[in-house]
């Protein structure tokens, strides 16, 4: 389920950045040593889940909200491959993306750091799923 959701998000972001030189891919391992080779990259990874309280029933049923971090890495802020424009495209591609009966929504976004002239920003997108012993997409 996690891999399926991540692949769905990567595909939507790839389509949003099609025709550009922006790299869109799942977060590689080891991520902390990622080196930006082009002008910009969009990296996606599963950031964990939040579980709502179970519903009162004989089965354990609850909502599982899966969170995905989208990292935007860019050598500049204000061009067609600048972090601001890339984050706008990411948000437009992710918010409303449908998985089963549920849609991705934005949770947060913000500046992480600037290292050697490379800007790092984070966006969190989440999608709820029904969980009843196993995920029901």
N, C-alpha and C. Protein backbone atom coordinates (compact mmCIF):
# COMPACT_ATOMS: atom_id res chain seq x y z
N UNK A 1 0.81 -1.18 0.00
CA UNK A 1 0.00 0.00 0.00
C UNK A 1 0.86 1.26 0.00
N UNK A 2 1.87 1.33 0.84
CA UNK A 2 2.73 2.51 0.92
C UNK A 2 3.44 2.73 -0.42
N UNK A 3 3.99 1.66 -0.97
CA UNK A 3 4.70 1.78 -2.24
C UNK A 3 3.75 2.20 -3.36
N UNK A 4 2.53 1.68 -3.36
CA UNK A 4 1.54 2.06 -4.36
C UNK A 4 1.21 3.54 -4.28
N UNK A 5 1.00 4.04 -3.07
CA UNK A 5 0.70 5.46 -2.88
C UNK A 5 1.88 6.33 -3.28
N UNK A 6 3.09 5.91 -2.90
CA UNK A 6 4.28 6.67 -3.27
C UNK A 6 4.43 6.72 -4.79
N UNK A 7 4.22 5.59 -5.45
CA UNK A 7 4.33 5.54 -6.91
C UNK A 7 3.29 6.44 -7.58
N UNK A 8 2.08 6.49 -7.02
CA UNK A 8 1.03 7.35 -7.54
C UNK A 8 1.45 8.82 -7.44
N UNK A 9 2.01 9.20 -6.29
CA UNK A 9 2.44 10.57 -6.09
C UNK A 9 3.62 10.92 -6.99
N UNK A 10 4.58 10.03 -7.11
CA UNK A 10 5.73 10.26 -8.00
C UNK A 10 5.26 10.42 -9.44
N UNK A 11 4.32 9.60 -9.87
CA UNK A 11 3.81 9.70 -11.24
C UNK A 11 3.12 11.04 -11.48
N UNK A 12 2.33 11.50 -10.52
CA UNK A 12 1.64 12.79 -10.67
C UNK A 12 2.64 13.95 -10.71
N UNK A 13 3.66 13.89 -9.86
CA UNK A 13 4.68 14.94 -9.85
C UNK A 13 5.52 14.89 -11.12
N UNK A 14 5.83 13.70 -11.61
CA UNK A 14 6.57 13.56 -12.87
C UNK A 14 5.80 14.18 -14.02
N UNK A 15 4.50 13.94 -14.06
CA UNK A 15 3.67 14.51 -15.12
C UNK A 15 3.64 16.04 -15.01
N UNK A 16 3.59 16.55 -13.79
CA UNK A 16 3.55 18.01 -13.59
C UNK A 16 4.84 18.68 -14.05
N UNK A 17 5.95 17.95 -13.97
CA UNK A 17 7.25 18.51 -14.34
C UNK A 17 7.75 17.98 -15.68
N UNK A 18 6.87 17.32 -16.44
CA UNK A 18 7.25 16.77 -17.75
C UNK A 18 7.70 17.90 -18.66
N UNK A 19 8.69 17.61 -19.48
CA UNK A 19 9.21 18.60 -20.41
C UNK A 19 10.22 19.55 -19.80
N UNK A 20 10.55 19.34 -18.54
CA UNK A 20 11.58 20.16 -17.88
C UNK A 20 12.77 19.26 -17.56
N UNK A 21 13.81 19.86 -17.06
CA UNK A 21 14.99 19.09 -16.66
C UNK A 21 14.97 18.75 -15.17
N UNK A 22 13.81 18.89 -14.54
CA UNK A 22 13.67 18.59 -13.12
C UNK A 22 13.62 17.08 -12.94
N UNK A 23 14.44 16.57 -12.03
CA UNK A 23 14.47 15.15 -11.71
C UNK A 23 13.38 14.89 -10.67
N UNK A 24 12.51 13.92 -10.93
CA UNK A 24 11.48 13.52 -9.97
C UNK A 24 11.68 12.04 -9.70
N UNK A 25 11.87 11.68 -8.41
CA UNK A 25 12.12 10.28 -8.08
C UNK A 25 11.86 10.03 -6.60
N UNK A 26 11.69 8.75 -6.24
CA UNK A 26 11.62 8.43 -4.82
C UNK A 26 12.94 8.80 -4.16
N UNK A 27 12.87 9.14 -2.89
CA UNK A 27 14.07 9.54 -2.15
C UNK A 27 15.07 8.40 -2.15
N UNK A 28 16.27 8.65 -2.66
CA UNK A 28 17.28 7.58 -2.74
C UNK A 28 17.92 7.30 -1.39
N UNK A 29 18.58 6.19 -1.30
CA UNK A 29 19.33 5.83 -0.09
C UNK A 29 20.80 5.87 -0.42
N UNK A 30 21.70 6.37 0.35
CA UNK A 30 21.39 7.15 1.55
C UNK A 30 21.01 8.58 1.18
N UNK A 31 19.88 9.03 1.65
CA UNK A 31 19.34 10.34 1.29
C UNK A 31 20.16 11.50 1.79
N UNK A 32 20.76 11.37 2.95
CA UNK A 32 21.49 12.50 3.53
C UNK A 32 22.72 12.88 2.71
N UNK A 33 23.14 12.02 1.80
CA UNK A 33 24.29 12.34 0.97
C UNK A 33 23.86 12.66 -0.47
N UNK A 34 22.58 13.01 -0.68
CA UNK A 34 22.09 13.31 -2.02
C UNK A 34 22.82 14.51 -2.59
N UNK A 35 23.30 14.38 -3.82
CA UNK A 35 24.00 15.46 -4.50
C UNK A 35 23.18 15.86 -5.72
N UNK A 36 22.79 17.12 -5.78
CA UNK A 36 22.02 17.63 -6.91
C UNK A 36 22.92 17.74 -8.13
N UNK A 37 22.59 16.99 -9.18
CA UNK A 37 23.42 16.97 -10.38
C UNK A 37 22.93 17.96 -11.44
N UNK A 38 21.64 18.30 -11.42
CA UNK A 38 21.09 19.24 -12.39
C UNK A 38 20.69 20.54 -11.72
N UNK A 39 19.69 21.18 -12.30
CA UNK A 39 19.21 22.44 -11.73
C UNK A 39 18.27 22.23 -10.54
N UNK A 40 17.47 21.14 -10.60
CA UNK A 40 16.48 20.93 -9.55
C UNK A 40 16.07 19.47 -9.47
N UNK A 41 15.58 19.08 -8.31
CA UNK A 41 15.08 17.72 -8.10
C UNK A 41 13.90 17.76 -7.15
N UNK A 42 12.99 16.81 -7.35
CA UNK A 42 11.85 16.60 -6.47
C UNK A 42 11.99 15.16 -5.96
N UNK A 43 12.10 15.01 -4.65
CA UNK A 43 12.27 13.68 -4.05
C UNK A 43 11.08 13.38 -3.15
N UNK A 44 10.59 12.14 -3.21
CA UNK A 44 9.40 11.75 -2.47
C UNK A 44 9.72 10.58 -1.55
N UNK A 45 9.22 10.64 -0.32
CA UNK A 45 9.33 9.48 0.55
C UNK A 45 8.19 9.44 1.57
N UNK A 46 7.92 8.24 2.04
CA UNK A 46 6.89 8.01 3.05
C UNK A 46 7.40 8.54 4.38
N UNK A 47 6.61 9.38 5.01
CA UNK A 47 7.04 9.99 6.26
C UNK A 47 6.36 9.44 7.49
N UNK A 48 5.55 8.39 7.33
CA UNK A 48 4.86 7.82 8.48
C UNK A 48 3.35 8.00 8.36
N UNK A 49 2.64 7.57 9.39
CA UNK A 49 1.18 7.61 9.36
C UNK A 49 0.63 8.02 10.72
N UNK A 50 -0.58 8.53 10.66
CA UNK A 50 -1.34 8.83 11.87
C UNK A 50 -2.58 7.95 11.84
N UNK A 51 -2.93 7.39 12.99
CA UNK A 51 -4.11 6.54 13.09
C UNK A 51 -5.16 7.24 13.93
N UNK A 52 -6.40 7.30 13.41
CA UNK A 52 -7.51 7.80 14.21
C UNK A 52 -7.92 6.72 15.20
N UNK A 53 -8.71 7.10 16.18
CA UNK A 53 -9.23 6.13 17.14
C UNK A 53 -10.07 5.10 16.39
N UNK A 54 -10.03 3.85 16.84
CA UNK A 54 -10.83 2.82 16.16
C UNK A 54 -12.33 3.08 16.30
N UNK A 55 -13.08 2.66 15.29
CA UNK A 55 -14.54 2.73 15.35
C UNK A 55 -15.04 1.65 16.28
N UNK A 56 -16.15 1.89 16.93
CA UNK A 56 -16.75 0.88 17.81
C UNK A 56 -17.39 -0.20 16.95
N UNK A 57 -16.76 -1.36 16.92
CA UNK A 57 -17.30 -2.51 16.18
C UNK A 57 -16.57 -3.75 16.65
N UNK A 58 -17.00 -4.90 16.14
CA UNK A 58 -16.34 -6.15 16.52
C UNK A 58 -14.96 -6.27 15.87
N UNK A 59 -14.75 -5.58 14.74
CA UNK A 59 -13.45 -5.54 14.07
C UNK A 59 -12.75 -4.24 14.43
N UNK A 60 -11.43 -4.24 14.36
CA UNK A 60 -10.69 -2.99 14.52
C UNK A 60 -10.74 -2.27 13.17
N UNK A 61 -11.44 -1.15 13.13
CA UNK A 61 -11.56 -0.34 11.93
C UNK A 61 -11.17 1.08 12.28
N UNK A 62 -10.30 1.65 11.49
CA UNK A 62 -9.89 3.01 11.75
C UNK A 62 -9.35 3.65 10.49
N UNK A 63 -9.20 4.96 10.55
CA UNK A 63 -8.62 5.70 9.43
C UNK A 63 -7.13 5.82 9.66
N UNK A 64 -6.38 5.45 8.66
CA UNK A 64 -4.92 5.55 8.64
C UNK A 64 -4.58 6.66 7.65
N UNK A 65 -3.93 7.72 8.11
CA UNK A 65 -3.56 8.82 7.22
C UNK A 65 -2.07 8.73 6.93
N UNK A 66 -1.76 8.43 5.67
CA UNK A 66 -0.37 8.27 5.23
C UNK A 66 0.20 9.62 4.82
N UNK A 67 1.37 9.95 5.37
CA UNK A 67 2.03 11.22 5.09
C UNK A 67 3.24 10.99 4.20
N UNK A 68 3.36 11.82 3.17
CA UNK A 68 4.49 11.74 2.25
C UNK A 68 5.20 13.08 2.21
N UNK A 69 6.51 13.04 2.37
CA UNK A 69 7.31 14.26 2.29
C UNK A 69 7.81 14.40 0.85
N UNK A 70 7.63 15.60 0.31
CA UNK A 70 8.14 15.93 -1.02
C UNK A 70 9.20 17.00 -0.81
N UNK A 71 10.43 16.65 -1.13
CA UNK A 71 11.54 17.59 -1.00
C UNK A 71 11.79 18.26 -2.34
N UNK A 72 11.85 19.57 -2.32
CA UNK A 72 12.18 20.35 -3.50
C UNK A 72 13.59 20.89 -3.30
N UNK A 73 14.47 20.54 -4.21
CA UNK A 73 15.87 20.95 -4.13
C UNK A 73 16.19 21.73 -5.40
N UNK A 74 16.63 22.98 -5.23
CA UNK A 74 16.85 23.83 -6.40
C UNK A 74 18.03 24.76 -6.18
N UNK A 75 18.68 25.10 -7.27
CA UNK A 75 19.81 26.03 -7.22
C UNK A 75 19.36 27.48 -7.17
N UNK A 76 18.07 27.74 -7.35
CA UNK A 76 17.57 29.12 -7.26
C UNK A 76 16.14 29.12 -6.75
N UNK A 77 15.62 30.30 -6.49
CA UNK A 77 14.27 30.44 -5.95
C UNK A 77 13.25 30.90 -6.97
N UNK A 78 13.63 31.81 -7.84
CA UNK A 78 12.65 32.56 -8.61
C UNK A 78 12.77 32.44 -10.13
N UNK A 79 12.90 31.25 -10.64
CA UNK A 79 12.89 31.05 -12.09
C UNK A 79 11.95 29.89 -12.38
N UNK A 80 11.86 29.48 -13.64
CA UNK A 80 10.98 28.36 -13.98
C UNK A 80 11.42 27.06 -13.29
N UNK A 81 12.68 26.95 -12.90
CA UNK A 81 13.14 25.79 -12.12
C UNK A 81 13.50 26.21 -10.70
N UNK A 82 13.00 27.36 -10.28
CA UNK A 82 13.23 27.83 -8.91
C UNK A 82 12.31 27.12 -7.94
N UNK A 83 12.71 27.09 -6.70
CA UNK A 83 11.97 26.36 -5.66
C UNK A 83 10.51 26.82 -5.57
N UNK A 84 10.25 28.12 -5.67
CA UNK A 84 8.88 28.60 -5.54
C UNK A 84 7.97 28.03 -6.63
N UNK A 85 8.40 28.11 -7.88
CA UNK A 85 7.59 27.59 -8.99
C UNK A 85 7.43 26.08 -8.89
N UNK A 86 8.49 25.38 -8.49
CA UNK A 86 8.42 23.92 -8.36
C UNK A 86 7.44 23.52 -7.26
N UNK A 87 7.46 24.22 -6.14
CA UNK A 87 6.54 23.89 -5.04
C UNK A 87 5.09 24.16 -5.45
N UNK A 88 4.86 25.22 -6.22
CA UNK A 88 3.50 25.46 -6.72
C UNK A 88 3.03 24.31 -7.60
N UNK A 89 3.90 23.84 -8.49
CA UNK A 89 3.55 22.70 -9.35
C UNK A 89 3.31 21.44 -8.53
N UNK A 90 4.15 21.22 -7.53
CA UNK A 90 3.97 20.04 -6.66
C UNK A 90 2.60 20.08 -5.99
N UNK A 91 2.26 21.23 -5.42
CA UNK A 91 0.99 21.38 -4.70
C UNK A 91 -0.19 21.15 -5.65
N UNK A 92 -0.12 21.75 -6.85
CA UNK A 92 -1.20 21.58 -7.82
C UNK A 92 -1.35 20.14 -8.26
N UNK A 93 -0.26 19.40 -8.34
CA UNK A 93 -0.30 18.00 -8.77
C UNK A 93 -0.78 17.07 -7.66
N UNK A 94 -0.42 17.37 -6.42
CA UNK A 94 -0.70 16.45 -5.31
C UNK A 94 -2.08 16.65 -4.69
N UNK A 95 -2.47 17.89 -4.46
CA UNK A 95 -3.74 18.15 -3.78
C UNK A 95 -4.89 17.73 -4.70
N UNK A 96 -5.71 16.84 -4.19
CA UNK A 96 -6.84 16.32 -4.96
C UNK A 96 -6.54 15.04 -5.71
N UNK A 97 -5.27 14.61 -5.72
CA UNK A 97 -4.90 13.34 -6.34
C UNK A 97 -5.68 12.22 -5.65
N UNK A 98 -6.33 11.37 -6.42
CA UNK A 98 -7.24 10.38 -5.86
C UNK A 98 -6.57 9.02 -5.72
N UNK A 99 -6.76 8.44 -4.53
CA UNK A 99 -6.35 7.06 -4.25
C UNK A 99 -7.57 6.34 -3.70
N UNK A 100 -8.12 5.42 -4.48
CA UNK A 100 -9.34 4.73 -4.03
C UNK A 100 -10.46 5.74 -3.88
N UNK A 101 -11.01 5.83 -2.68
CA UNK A 101 -12.10 6.77 -2.42
C UNK A 101 -11.60 8.06 -1.76
N UNK A 102 -10.30 8.22 -1.62
CA UNK A 102 -9.76 9.34 -0.86
C UNK A 102 -8.83 10.19 -1.72
N UNK A 103 -8.65 11.44 -1.28
CA UNK A 103 -7.81 12.37 -2.00
C UNK A 103 -6.63 12.83 -1.13
N UNK A 104 -5.50 13.07 -1.79
CA UNK A 104 -4.37 13.67 -1.11
C UNK A 104 -4.72 15.11 -0.74
N UNK A 105 -4.22 15.57 0.37
CA UNK A 105 -4.37 16.96 0.78
C UNK A 105 -3.04 17.47 1.32
N UNK A 106 -2.88 18.79 1.31
CA UNK A 106 -1.65 19.41 1.82
C UNK A 106 -1.72 19.48 3.34
N UNK A 107 -0.58 19.23 3.99
CA UNK A 107 -0.48 19.30 5.44
C UNK A 107 0.39 20.48 5.85
N UNK A 108 1.58 20.57 5.24
CA UNK A 108 2.49 21.66 5.59
C UNK A 108 3.55 21.82 4.51
N UNK A 109 4.23 22.95 4.56
CA UNK A 109 5.40 23.16 3.71
C UNK A 109 6.27 24.22 4.34
N UNK A 110 7.55 24.13 4.06
CA UNK A 110 8.45 25.13 4.63
C UNK A 110 9.89 24.94 4.19
N UNK A 111 10.66 25.95 4.50
CA UNK A 111 12.08 25.99 4.20
C UNK A 111 12.83 25.05 5.14
N UNK A 112 13.77 24.28 4.59
CA UNK A 112 14.60 23.40 5.41
C UNK A 112 16.00 23.98 5.59
N UNK A 113 16.67 24.28 4.46
CA UNK A 113 18.04 24.79 4.57
C UNK A 113 18.53 25.27 3.22
N UNK A 114 19.67 25.93 3.27
CA UNK A 114 20.41 26.24 2.04
C UNK A 114 21.83 25.75 2.29
N UNK A 115 22.32 24.92 1.37
CA UNK A 115 23.65 24.32 1.50
C UNK A 115 24.39 24.47 0.18
N UNK A 116 25.51 25.14 0.20
CA UNK A 116 26.32 25.33 -1.00
C UNK A 116 25.52 25.90 -2.17
N UNK A 117 24.64 26.84 -1.89
CA UNK A 117 23.85 27.47 -2.93
C UNK A 117 22.67 26.66 -3.40
N UNK A 118 22.33 25.58 -2.71
CA UNK A 118 21.20 24.74 -3.08
C UNK A 118 20.12 24.89 -1.99
N UNK A 119 18.92 25.28 -2.43
CA UNK A 119 17.80 25.50 -1.53
C UNK A 119 17.03 24.20 -1.32
N UNK A 120 16.68 23.89 -0.07
CA UNK A 120 15.90 22.69 0.28
C UNK A 120 14.59 23.14 0.93
N UNK A 121 13.48 22.68 0.38
CA UNK A 121 12.15 22.93 0.94
C UNK A 121 11.42 21.60 1.11
N UNK A 122 10.52 21.56 2.08
CA UNK A 122 9.74 20.36 2.34
C UNK A 122 8.25 20.66 2.22
N UNK A 123 7.53 19.74 1.61
CA UNK A 123 6.07 19.78 1.58
C UNK A 123 5.58 18.42 2.06
N UNK A 124 4.54 18.44 2.88
CA UNK A 124 3.93 17.20 3.35
C UNK A 124 2.54 17.10 2.76
N UNK A 125 2.28 15.97 2.10
CA UNK A 125 0.95 15.68 1.56
C UNK A 125 0.48 14.38 2.20
N UNK A 126 -0.81 14.31 2.49
CA UNK A 126 -1.34 13.14 3.19
C UNK A 126 -2.58 12.62 2.47
N UNK A 127 -2.83 11.34 2.67
CA UNK A 127 -4.03 10.72 2.11
C UNK A 127 -4.57 9.71 3.13
N UNK A 128 -5.86 9.84 3.49
CA UNK A 128 -6.43 8.88 4.43
C UNK A 128 -6.76 7.56 3.72
N UNK A 129 -6.69 6.49 4.47
CA UNK A 129 -7.04 5.16 3.98
C UNK A 129 -7.85 4.46 5.07
N UNK A 130 -8.76 3.60 4.69
CA UNK A 130 -9.47 2.80 5.69
C UNK A 130 -8.61 1.63 6.09
N UNK A 131 -8.52 1.36 7.37
CA UNK A 131 -7.71 0.25 7.87
C UNK A 131 -8.62 -0.65 8.70
N UNK A 132 -8.71 -1.92 8.32
CA UNK A 132 -9.48 -2.91 9.07
C UNK A 132 -8.70 -4.21 9.04
N UNK A 133 -7.62 -4.23 9.82
CA UNK A 133 -6.74 -5.38 9.81
C UNK A 133 -5.79 -5.35 8.61
N UNK A 134 -6.26 -4.74 7.53
CA UNK A 134 -5.45 -4.48 6.35
C UNK A 134 -6.02 -3.24 5.68
N UNK A 135 -5.24 -2.59 4.88
CA UNK A 135 -5.69 -1.36 4.25
C UNK A 135 -6.70 -1.68 3.17
N UNK A 136 -7.79 -0.94 3.17
CA UNK A 136 -8.83 -1.07 2.15
C UNK A 136 -8.78 0.22 1.33
N UNK A 137 -8.16 0.13 0.18
CA UNK A 137 -8.03 1.33 -0.65
C UNK A 137 -9.34 1.58 -1.33
